[in-house]
Amino acid sequence: MTDDRKKTGLDRKLVALNEPHEVRSWTKSLSCTEAQLREAVKAVGNSAEAVRLHLKKK
């Protein structure tokens, strides 16, 4: 994702773990811990939809 926190759109389709503000945003929106988020990205890639589906299965 971009460093500009105001930008959305395509950026919301990918989970970027290298930006602390994005990790906070994703953990809040997906109701998961950072460890769960990182595990999901490792398992299914950084597609937000794939991560959502993976976390719902847990």
N, C-alpha and C. Protein backbone atom coordinates (compact mmCIF):
# COMPACT_ATOMS: atom_id res chain seq x y z
N MET A 1 0.84 -1.19 0.00
CA MET A 1 0.00 0.00 0.00
C MET A 1 0.88 1.24 0.00
N THR A 2 0.25 2.31 -0.21
CA THR A 2 0.94 3.58 -0.27
C THR A 2 1.20 4.15 1.11
N ASP A 3 2.13 5.06 1.22
CA ASP A 3 2.39 5.73 2.48
C ASP A 3 1.34 6.80 2.78
N ASP A 4 0.58 7.18 1.78
CA ASP A 4 -0.46 8.18 1.97
C ASP A 4 -1.67 7.52 2.60
N ARG A 5 -1.91 7.78 3.87
CA ARG A 5 -2.98 7.13 4.62
C ARG A 5 -4.36 7.53 4.15
N LYS A 6 -4.47 8.58 3.36
CA LYS A 6 -5.76 9.05 2.87
C LYS A 6 -6.19 8.33 1.60
N LYS A 7 -5.24 7.70 0.91
CA LYS A 7 -5.55 7.01 -0.34
C LYS A 7 -6.21 5.68 -0.04
N THR A 8 -7.22 5.36 -0.82
CA THR A 8 -7.90 4.06 -0.71
C THR A 8 -8.03 3.47 -2.09
N GLY A 9 -9.06 2.72 -2.35
CA GLY A 9 -9.25 2.14 -3.68
C GLY A 9 -8.49 0.85 -3.83
N LEU A 10 -7.65 0.76 -4.85
CA LEU A 10 -6.90 -0.46 -5.10
C LEU A 10 -6.05 -0.86 -3.91
N ASP A 11 -5.58 0.10 -3.14
CA ASP A 11 -4.77 -0.21 -1.98
C ASP A 11 -5.50 -1.11 -0.99
N ARG A 12 -6.80 -1.01 -0.92
CA ARG A 12 -7.57 -1.80 0.04
C ARG A 12 -7.73 -3.25 -0.42
N LYS A 13 -7.24 -3.56 -1.59
CA LYS A 13 -7.34 -4.93 -2.09
C LYS A 13 -6.15 -5.78 -1.68
N LEU A 14 -5.11 -5.13 -1.16
CA LEU A 14 -3.90 -5.85 -0.76
C LEU A 14 -3.54 -5.53 0.68
N VAL A 15 -3.06 -6.54 1.38
CA VAL A 15 -2.61 -6.37 2.76
C VAL A 15 -1.10 -6.16 2.73
N ALA A 16 -0.65 -5.02 3.22
CA ALA A 16 0.78 -4.72 3.27
C ALA A 16 1.23 -4.79 4.72
N LEU A 17 2.14 -5.71 5.00
CA LEU A 17 2.60 -5.90 6.37
C LEU A 17 3.82 -5.05 6.72
N ASN A 18 4.34 -4.34 5.75
CA ASN A 18 5.55 -3.55 5.99
C ASN A 18 5.28 -2.13 6.49
N GLU A 19 4.01 -1.77 6.62
CA GLU A 19 3.64 -0.44 7.11
C GLU A 19 2.86 -0.58 8.42
N PRO A 20 3.41 -0.11 9.53
CA PRO A 20 2.74 -0.28 10.83
C PRO A 20 1.30 0.25 10.86
N HIS A 21 1.05 1.39 10.23
CA HIS A 21 -0.32 1.92 10.25
C HIS A 21 -1.28 1.02 9.48
N GLU A 22 -0.78 0.34 8.46
CA GLU A 22 -1.62 -0.57 7.71
C GLU A 22 -1.91 -1.85 8.49
N VAL A 23 -0.92 -2.34 9.20
CA VAL A 23 -1.13 -3.52 10.04
C VAL A 23 -2.20 -3.20 11.09
N ARG A 24 -2.10 -2.03 11.71
CA ARG A 24 -3.12 -1.62 12.70
C ARG A 24 -4.50 -1.54 12.05
N SER A 25 -4.57 -0.96 10.88
CA SER A 25 -5.84 -0.81 10.18
C SER A 25 -6.44 -2.17 9.82
N TRP A 26 -5.62 -3.07 9.30
CA TRP A 26 -6.12 -4.39 8.90
C TRP A 26 -6.54 -5.21 10.12
N THR A 27 -5.76 -5.17 11.19
CA THR A 27 -6.15 -5.96 12.37
C THR A 27 -7.45 -5.45 12.95
N LYS A 28 -7.64 -4.14 12.90
CA LYS A 28 -8.90 -3.57 13.40
C LYS A 28 -10.06 -3.97 12.49
N SER A 29 -9.91 -3.79 11.19
CA SER A 29 -11.02 -4.06 10.28
C SER A 29 -11.34 -5.55 10.17
N LEU A 30 -10.34 -6.41 10.38
CA LEU A 30 -10.57 -7.85 10.28
C LEU A 30 -10.78 -8.51 11.65
N SER A 31 -10.72 -7.72 12.71
CA SER A 31 -10.90 -8.22 14.08
C SER A 31 -9.99 -9.41 14.37
N CYS A 32 -8.69 -9.18 14.15
CA CYS A 32 -7.72 -10.23 14.41
C CYS A 32 -6.47 -9.62 15.03
N THR A 33 -5.59 -10.47 15.51
CA THR A 33 -4.32 -9.99 16.05
C THR A 33 -3.32 -9.83 14.91
N GLU A 34 -2.22 -9.17 15.21
CA GLU A 34 -1.18 -9.02 14.21
C GLU A 34 -0.61 -10.39 13.82
N ALA A 35 -0.46 -11.26 14.80
CA ALA A 35 0.06 -12.61 14.52
C ALA A 35 -0.88 -13.38 13.60
N GLN A 36 -2.19 -13.27 13.84
CA GLN A 36 -3.17 -13.93 12.98
C GLN A 36 -3.13 -13.37 11.57
N LEU A 37 -2.99 -12.05 11.47
CA LEU A 37 -2.92 -11.40 10.16
C LEU A 37 -1.68 -11.88 9.40
N ARG A 38 -0.54 -11.89 10.07
CA ARG A 38 0.69 -12.33 9.41
C ARG A 38 0.62 -13.79 8.98
N GLU A 39 0.02 -14.63 9.81
CA GLU A 39 -0.13 -16.05 9.48
C GLU A 39 -1.03 -16.20 8.26
N ALA A 40 -2.11 -15.43 8.21
CA ALA A 40 -3.04 -15.51 7.09
C ALA A 40 -2.36 -15.08 5.79
N VAL A 41 -1.61 -13.99 5.83
CA VAL A 41 -0.90 -13.52 4.64
C VAL A 41 0.12 -14.56 4.20
N LYS A 42 0.80 -15.17 5.16
CA LYS A 42 1.78 -16.21 4.82
C LYS A 42 1.10 -17.40 4.17
N ALA A 43 -0.10 -17.73 4.64
CA ALA A 43 -0.82 -18.90 4.13
C ALA A 43 -1.45 -18.68 2.76
N VAL A 44 -2.04 -17.47 2.54
CA VAL A 44 -2.82 -17.27 1.31
C VAL A 44 -2.36 -16.12 0.44
N GLY A 45 -1.34 -15.40 0.84
CA GLY A 45 -0.88 -14.26 0.07
C GLY A 45 -1.49 -12.97 0.58
N ASN A 46 -1.22 -11.86 -0.08
CA ASN A 46 -1.63 -10.55 0.44
C ASN A 46 -2.94 -10.02 -0.14
N SER A 47 -3.70 -10.84 -0.82
CA SER A 47 -5.02 -10.43 -1.28
C SER A 47 -5.93 -10.27 -0.08
N ALA A 48 -6.53 -9.11 0.06
CA ALA A 48 -7.40 -8.84 1.21
C ALA A 48 -8.56 -9.82 1.26
N GLU A 49 -9.13 -10.14 0.12
CA GLU A 49 -10.26 -11.06 0.09
C GLU A 49 -9.83 -12.46 0.54
N ALA A 50 -8.69 -12.92 0.07
CA ALA A 50 -8.19 -14.25 0.47
C ALA A 50 -7.90 -14.28 1.97
N VAL A 51 -7.34 -13.19 2.48
CA VAL A 51 -7.04 -13.12 3.92
C VAL A 51 -8.35 -13.15 4.71
N ARG A 52 -9.35 -12.39 4.27
CA ARG A 52 -10.66 -12.41 4.94
C ARG A 52 -11.24 -13.81 5.01
N LEU A 53 -11.23 -14.50 3.89
CA LEU A 53 -11.78 -15.85 3.83
C LEU A 53 -10.99 -16.80 4.74
N HIS A 54 -9.70 -16.68 4.73
CA HIS A 54 -8.85 -17.53 5.57
C HIS A 54 -9.16 -17.31 7.04
N LEU A 55 -9.30 -16.05 7.44
CA LEU A 55 -9.57 -15.75 8.85
C LEU A 55 -10.97 -16.21 9.26
N LYS A 56 -11.92 -16.17 8.34
CA LYS A 56 -13.29 -16.63 8.66
C LYS A 56 -13.32 -18.13 8.92
N LYS A 57 -12.44 -18.87 8.26
CA LYS A 57 -12.40 -20.32 8.44
C LYS A 57 -11.85 -20.70 9.81
N LYS A 58 -11.11 -19.83 10.42
CA LYS A 58 -10.48 -20.13 11.71
C LYS A 58 -11.44 -20.03 12.85
